[in-house]
Every structure is written in C-alpha cells, then in structure tokens.
C-alpha cells in the first residue's frame, strides 16, 4: 500500500465504525400514525374529477 492510501484508510475506518455502531444503537420501536383525511374540496365527485373553474 502506498502512504496516501494508508492515510485515507486510517481516517475512513473510524468513521465507518462509528456509523455502524450508531446504526446498531438505534431503536426500531417506531409506530407510524395514520395520514389525516383529505378535505372535501379535494375529493372526487361521483367517481369523476372535479373540474376547476378558470
């Protein structure tokens, strides 16, 4: 290995290790909430799209 490559690797290994440990330390107990209902103004009318006025 060249000196430049060794220097790059020696700086990269601690970063990758820290990111790996941070990812493993994360909790996976996230419970998503339901999306809010859309307002009536944005709903379809009888299966057809509501036409916008110019």
PDB file of N, CA and C in Angstrom:
ATOM      1  N   UNK A   1       0.834  -1.191   0.000  1.00  0.00           N
ATOM      2  CA  UNK A   1       0.000   0.000   0.000  1.00  0.00           C
ATOM      3  C   UNK A   1       0.872   1.246   0.000  1.00  0.00           C
ATOM      4  N   UNK A   2       0.351   2.227  -0.615  1.00  0.00           N
ATOM      5  CA  UNK A   2       1.086   3.486  -0.623  1.00  0.00           C
ATOM      6  C   UNK A   2       0.759   4.263   0.643  1.00  0.00           C
ATOM      7  N   UNK A   3       1.564   5.251   0.905  1.00  0.00           N
ATOM      8  CA  UNK A   3       1.372   6.047   2.116  1.00  0.00           C
ATOM      9  C   UNK A   3       0.056   6.820   2.055  1.00  0.00           C
ATOM     10  N   UNK A   4      -0.299   7.331   0.860  1.00  0.00           N
ATOM     11  CA  UNK A   4      -1.533   8.096   0.696  1.00  0.00           C
ATOM     12  C   UNK A   4      -2.758   7.205   0.939  1.00  0.00           C
ATOM     13  N   UNK A   5      -2.716   5.994   0.423  1.00  0.00           N
ATOM     14  CA  UNK A   5      -3.838   5.074   0.587  1.00  0.00           C
ATOM     15  C   UNK A   5      -3.969   4.644   2.052  1.00  0.00           C
ATOM     16  N   UNK A   6      -2.860   4.431   2.720  1.00  0.00           N
ATOM     17  CA  UNK A   6      -2.877   4.055   4.130  1.00  0.00           C
ATOM     18  C   UNK A   6      -3.457   5.179   4.977  1.00  0.00           C
ATOM     19  N   UNK A   7      -3.105   6.408   4.666  1.00  0.00           N
ATOM     20  CA  UNK A   7      -3.620   7.558   5.400  1.00  0.00           C
ATOM     21  C   UNK A   7      -5.126   7.676   5.211  1.00  0.00           C
ATOM     22  N   UNK A   8      -5.592   7.475   3.967  1.00  0.00           N
ATOM     23  CA  UNK A   8      -7.026   7.537   3.672  1.00  0.00           C
ATOM     24  C   UNK A   8      -7.770   6.437   4.428  1.00  0.00           C
ATOM     25  N   UNK A   9      -7.235   5.229   4.426  1.00  0.00           N
ATOM     26  CA  UNK A   9      -7.868   4.106   5.107  1.00  0.00           C
ATOM     27  C   UNK A   9      -7.885   4.320   6.611  1.00  0.00           C
ATOM     28  N   UNK A  10      -6.816   4.865   7.157  1.00  0.00           N
ATOM     29  CA  UNK A  10      -6.760   5.068   8.605  1.00  0.00           C
ATOM     30  C   UNK A  10      -7.754   6.130   9.066  1.00  0.00           C
ATOM     31  N   UNK A  11      -8.151   7.038   8.186  1.00  0.00           N
ATOM     32  CA  UNK A  11      -9.158   8.037   8.538  1.00  0.00           C
ATOM     33  C   UNK A  11     -10.565   7.516   8.280  1.00  0.00           C
ATOM     34  N   UNK A  12     -10.701   6.583   7.354  1.00  0.00           N
ATOM     35  CA  UNK A  12     -12.011   6.081   6.970  1.00  0.00           C
ATOM     36  C   UNK A  12     -12.529   5.006   7.924  1.00  0.00           C
ATOM     37  N   UNK A  13     -11.673   4.184   8.451  1.00  0.00           N
ATOM     38  CA  UNK A  13     -12.083   3.079   9.320  1.00  0.00           C
ATOM     39  C   UNK A  13     -12.805   3.575  10.577  1.00  0.00           C
ATOM     40  N   UNK A  14     -12.317   4.574  11.300  1.00  0.00           N
ATOM     41  CA  UNK A  14     -13.063   5.042  12.480  1.00  0.00           C
ATOM     42  C   UNK A  14     -14.432   5.624  12.125  1.00  0.00           C
ATOM     43  N   UNK A  15     -14.531   6.283  10.987  1.00  0.00           N
ATOM     44  CA  UNK A  15     -15.814   6.838  10.561  1.00  0.00           C
ATOM     45  C   UNK A  15     -16.817   5.725  10.281  1.00  0.00           C
ATOM     46  N   UNK A  16     -16.412   4.725   9.541  1.00  0.00           N
ATOM     47  CA  UNK A  16     -17.300   3.602   9.228  1.00  0.00           C
ATOM     48  C   UNK A  16     -17.692   2.869  10.506  1.00  0.00           C
ATOM     49  N   UNK A  17     -16.771   2.691  11.412  1.00  0.00           N
ATOM     50  CA  UNK A  17     -17.063   2.029  12.681  1.00  0.00           C
ATOM     51  C   UNK A  17     -18.068   2.828  13.499  1.00  0.00           C
ATOM     52  N   UNK A  18     -17.904   4.133  13.561  1.00  0.00           N
ATOM     53  CA  UNK A  18     -18.839   4.977  14.310  1.00  0.00           C
ATOM     54  C   UNK A  18     -20.231   4.936  13.692  1.00  0.00           C
ATOM     55  N   UNK A  19     -20.317   4.977  12.370  1.00  0.00           N
ATOM     56  CA  UNK A  19     -21.621   4.901  11.708  1.00  0.00           C
ATOM     57  C   UNK A  19     -22.285   3.549  11.929  1.00  0.00           C
ATOM     58  N   UNK A  20     -21.517   2.495  11.911  1.00  0.00           N
ATOM     59  CA  UNK A  20     -22.051   1.158  12.151  1.00  0.00           C
ATOM     60  C   UNK A  20     -22.589   1.032  13.571  1.00  0.00           C
ATOM     61  N   UNK A  21     -21.846   1.518  14.542  1.00  0.00           N
ATOM     62  CA  UNK A  21     -22.304   1.454  15.929  1.00  0.00           C
ATOM     63  C   UNK A  21     -23.524   2.336  16.161  1.00  0.00           C
ATOM     64  N   UNK A  22     -23.579   3.484  15.525  1.00  0.00           N
ATOM     65  CA  UNK A  22     -24.741   4.365  15.668  1.00  0.00           C
ATOM     66  C   UNK A  22     -25.978   3.726  15.054  1.00  0.00           C
ATOM     67  N   UNK A  23     -25.819   3.034  13.950  1.00  0.00           N
ATOM     68  CA  UNK A  23     -26.949   2.351  13.322  1.00  0.00           C
ATOM     69  C   UNK A  23     -27.449   1.201  14.161  1.00  0.00           C
ATOM     70  N   UNK A  24     -26.563   0.499  14.815  1.00  0.00           N
ATOM     71  CA  UNK A  24     -26.961  -0.628  15.661  1.00  0.00           C
ATOM     72  C   UNK A  24     -27.593  -0.150  16.964  1.00  0.00           C
ATOM     73  N   UNK A  25     -27.285   1.047  17.389  1.00  0.00           N
ATOM     74  CA  UNK A  25     -27.812   1.562  18.644  1.00  0.00           C
ATOM     75  C   UNK A  25     -29.205   2.157  18.489  1.00  0.00           C
ATOM     76  N   UNK A  26     -29.668   2.323  17.251  1.00  0.00           N
ATOM     77  CA  UNK A  26     -30.991   2.905  17.015  1.00  0.00           C
ATOM     78  C   UNK A  26     -32.074   1.932  17.445  1.00  0.00           C
ATOM     79  N   UNK A  27     -33.171   2.481  17.923  1.00  0.00           N
ATOM     80  CA  UNK A  27     -34.290   1.625  18.306  1.00  0.00           C
ATOM     81  C   UNK A  27     -35.217   1.435  17.120  1.00  0.00           C
ATOM     82  N   UNK A  28     -35.924   0.332  17.099  1.00  0.00           N
ATOM     83  CA  UNK A  28     -36.826   0.022  15.995  1.00  0.00           C
ATOM     84  C   UNK A  28     -38.270  -0.030  16.480  1.00  0.00           C
ATOM     85  N   UNK A  29     -38.617   0.768  17.469  1.00  0.00           N
ATOM     86  CA  UNK A  29     -39.963   0.735  18.030  1.00  0.00           C
ATOM     87  C   UNK A  29     -40.806   1.888  17.508  1.00  0.00           C
ATOM     88  N   UNK A  30     -40.644   2.236  16.257  1.00  0.00           N
ATOM     89  CA  UNK A  30     -41.377   3.337  15.651  1.00  0.00           C
ATOM     90  C   UNK A  30     -42.738   2.840  15.193  1.00  0.00           C
ATOM     91  N   UNK A  31     -43.808   3.531  15.604  1.00  0.00           N
ATOM     92  CA  UNK A  31     -45.153   3.174  15.152  1.00  0.00           C
ATOM     93  C   UNK A  31     -45.713   4.349  14.365  1.00  0.00           C
ATOM     94  N   UNK A  32     -45.914   4.180  13.058  1.00  0.00           N
ATOM     95  CA  UNK A  32     -46.408   5.286  12.235  1.00  0.00           C
ATOM     96  C   UNK A  32     -47.866   5.599  12.538  1.00  0.00           C
ATOM     97  N   UNK A  33     -48.231   6.852  12.380  1.00  0.00           N
ATOM     98  CA  UNK A  33     -49.613   7.268  12.588  1.00  0.00           C
ATOM     99  C   UNK A  33     -50.317   7.362  11.243  1.00  0.00           C
ATOM    100  N   UNK A  34     -51.631   7.306  11.267  1.00  0.00           N
ATOM    101  CA  UNK A  34     -52.412   7.372  10.037  1.00  0.00           C
ATOM    102  C   UNK A  34     -52.376   8.789   9.466  1.00  0.00           C
ATOM    103  N   UNK A  35     -52.475   8.869   8.157  1.00  0.00           N
ATOM    104  CA  UNK A  35     -52.491  10.170   7.491  1.00  0.00           C
ATOM    105  C   UNK A  35     -53.842  10.840   7.724  1.00  0.00           C
ATOM    106  N   UNK A  36     -53.880  12.161   7.819  1.00  0.00           N
ATOM    107  CA  UNK A  36     -55.158  12.842   8.026  1.00  0.00           C
ATOM    108  C   UNK A  36     -56.041  12.722   6.782  1.00  0.00           C
ATOM    109  N   UNK A  37     -57.347  12.801   6.995  1.00  0.00           N
ATOM    110  CA  UNK A  37     -58.294  12.708   5.884  1.00  0.00           C
ATOM    111  C   UNK A  37     -58.201  13.964   5.018  1.00  0.00           C
ATOM    112  N   UNK A  38     -58.417  13.783   3.723  1.00  0.00           N
ATOM    113  CA  UNK A  38     -58.364  14.914   2.792  1.00  0.00           C
ATOM    114  C   UNK A  38     -59.634  15.744   2.919  1.00  0.00           C
ATOM    115  N   UNK A  39     -59.539  17.066   2.790  1.00  0.00           N
ATOM    116  CA  UNK A  39     -60.726  17.915   2.848  1.00  0.00           C
ATOM    117  C   UNK A  39     -61.679  17.592   1.695  1.00  0.00           C
ATOM    118  N   UNK A  40     -62.959  17.890   1.885  1.00  0.00           N
ATOM    119  CA  UNK A  40     -63.969  17.587   0.875  1.00  0.00           C
ATOM    120  C   UNK A  40     -63.701  18.325  -0.432  1.00  0.00           C
ATOM    121  N   UNK A  41     -63.058  19.473  -0.386  1.00  0.00           N
ATOM    122  CA  UNK A  41     -62.779  20.238  -1.600  1.00  0.00           C
ATOM    123  C   UNK A  41     -61.816  19.500  -2.531  1.00  0.00           C
ATOM    124  N   UNK A  42     -61.056  18.552  -2.008  1.00  0.00           N
ATOM    125  CA  UNK A  42     -60.088  17.830  -2.818  1.00  0.00           C
ATOM    126  C   UNK A  42     -60.551  16.419  -3.160  1.00  0.00           C
ATOM    127  N   UNK A  43     -61.778  16.069  -2.854  1.00  0.00           N
ATOM    128  CA  UNK A  43     -62.309  14.735  -3.145  1.00  0.00           C
ATOM    129  C   UNK A  43     -62.892  14.696  -4.548  1.00  0.00           C
ATOM    130  N   UNK A  44     -63.068  13.473  -5.074  1.00  0.00           N
ATOM    131  CA  UNK A  44     -63.681  13.285  -6.388  1.00  0.00           C
ATOM    132  C   UNK A  44     -65.195  13.362  -6.252  1.00  0.00           C
ATOM    133  N   UNK A  45     -65.877  13.768  -7.316  1.00  0.00           N
ATOM    134  CA  UNK A  45     -67.333  13.846  -7.326  1.00  0.00           C
ATOM    135  C   UNK A  45     -67.882  12.710  -8.176  1.00  0.00           C
ATOM    136  N   UNK A  46     -68.627  11.796  -7.583  1.00  0.00           N
ATOM    137  CA  UNK A  46     -69.256  10.667  -8.276  1.00  0.00           C
ATOM    138  C   UNK A  46     -68.271   9.892  -9.147  1.00  0.00           C
ATOM    139  N   UNK A  47     -67.088   9.675  -8.682  1.00  0.00           N
ATOM    140  CA  UNK A  47     -66.107   8.916  -9.438  1.00  0.00           C
ATOM    141  C   UNK A  47     -65.430   9.709 -10.533  1.00  0.00           C
ATOM    142  N   UNK A  48     -65.758  10.969 -10.682  1.00  0.00           N
ATOM    143  CA  UNK A  48     -65.133  11.820 -11.698  1.00  0.00           C
ATOM    144  C   UNK A  48     -64.366  12.940 -10.997  1.00  0.00           C
ATOM    145  N   UNK A  49     -63.426  13.482 -11.702  1.00  0.00           N
ATOM    146  CA  UNK A  49     -62.646  14.569 -11.134  1.00  0.00           C
ATOM    147  C   UNK A  49     -63.457  15.858 -11.160  1.00  0.00           C
ATOM    148  N   UNK A  50     -63.328  16.638 -10.120  1.00  0.00           N
ATOM    149  CA  UNK A  50     -63.990  17.943 -10.073  1.00  0.00           C
ATOM    150  C   UNK A  50     -63.240  18.889 -11.012  1.00  0.00           C
ATOM    151  N   UNK A  51     -63.986  19.586 -11.853  1.00  0.00           N
ATOM    152  CA  UNK A  51     -63.357  20.482 -12.817  1.00  0.00           C
ATOM    153  C   UNK A  51     -63.128  21.845 -12.175  1.00  0.00           C
ATOM    154  N   UNK A  52     -61.936  22.332 -12.339  1.00  0.00           N
ATOM    155  CA  UNK A  52     -61.584  23.630 -11.769  1.00  0.00           C
ATOM    156  C   UNK A  52     -62.118  24.747 -12.655  1.00  0.00           C
ATOM    157  N   UNK A  53     -62.550  25.817 -12.030  1.00  0.00           N
ATOM    158  CA  UNK A  53     -63.025  26.968 -12.798  1.00  0.00           C
ATOM    159  C   UNK A  53     -61.832  27.828 -13.188  1.00  0.00           C
ATOM    160  N   UNK A  54     -61.851  28.355 -14.410  1.00  0.00           N
ATOM    161  CA  UNK A  54     -60.708  29.163 -14.850  1.00  0.00           C
ATOM    162  C   UNK A  54     -60.665  30.512 -14.164  1.00  0.00           C
TER     163      UNK A  54
END
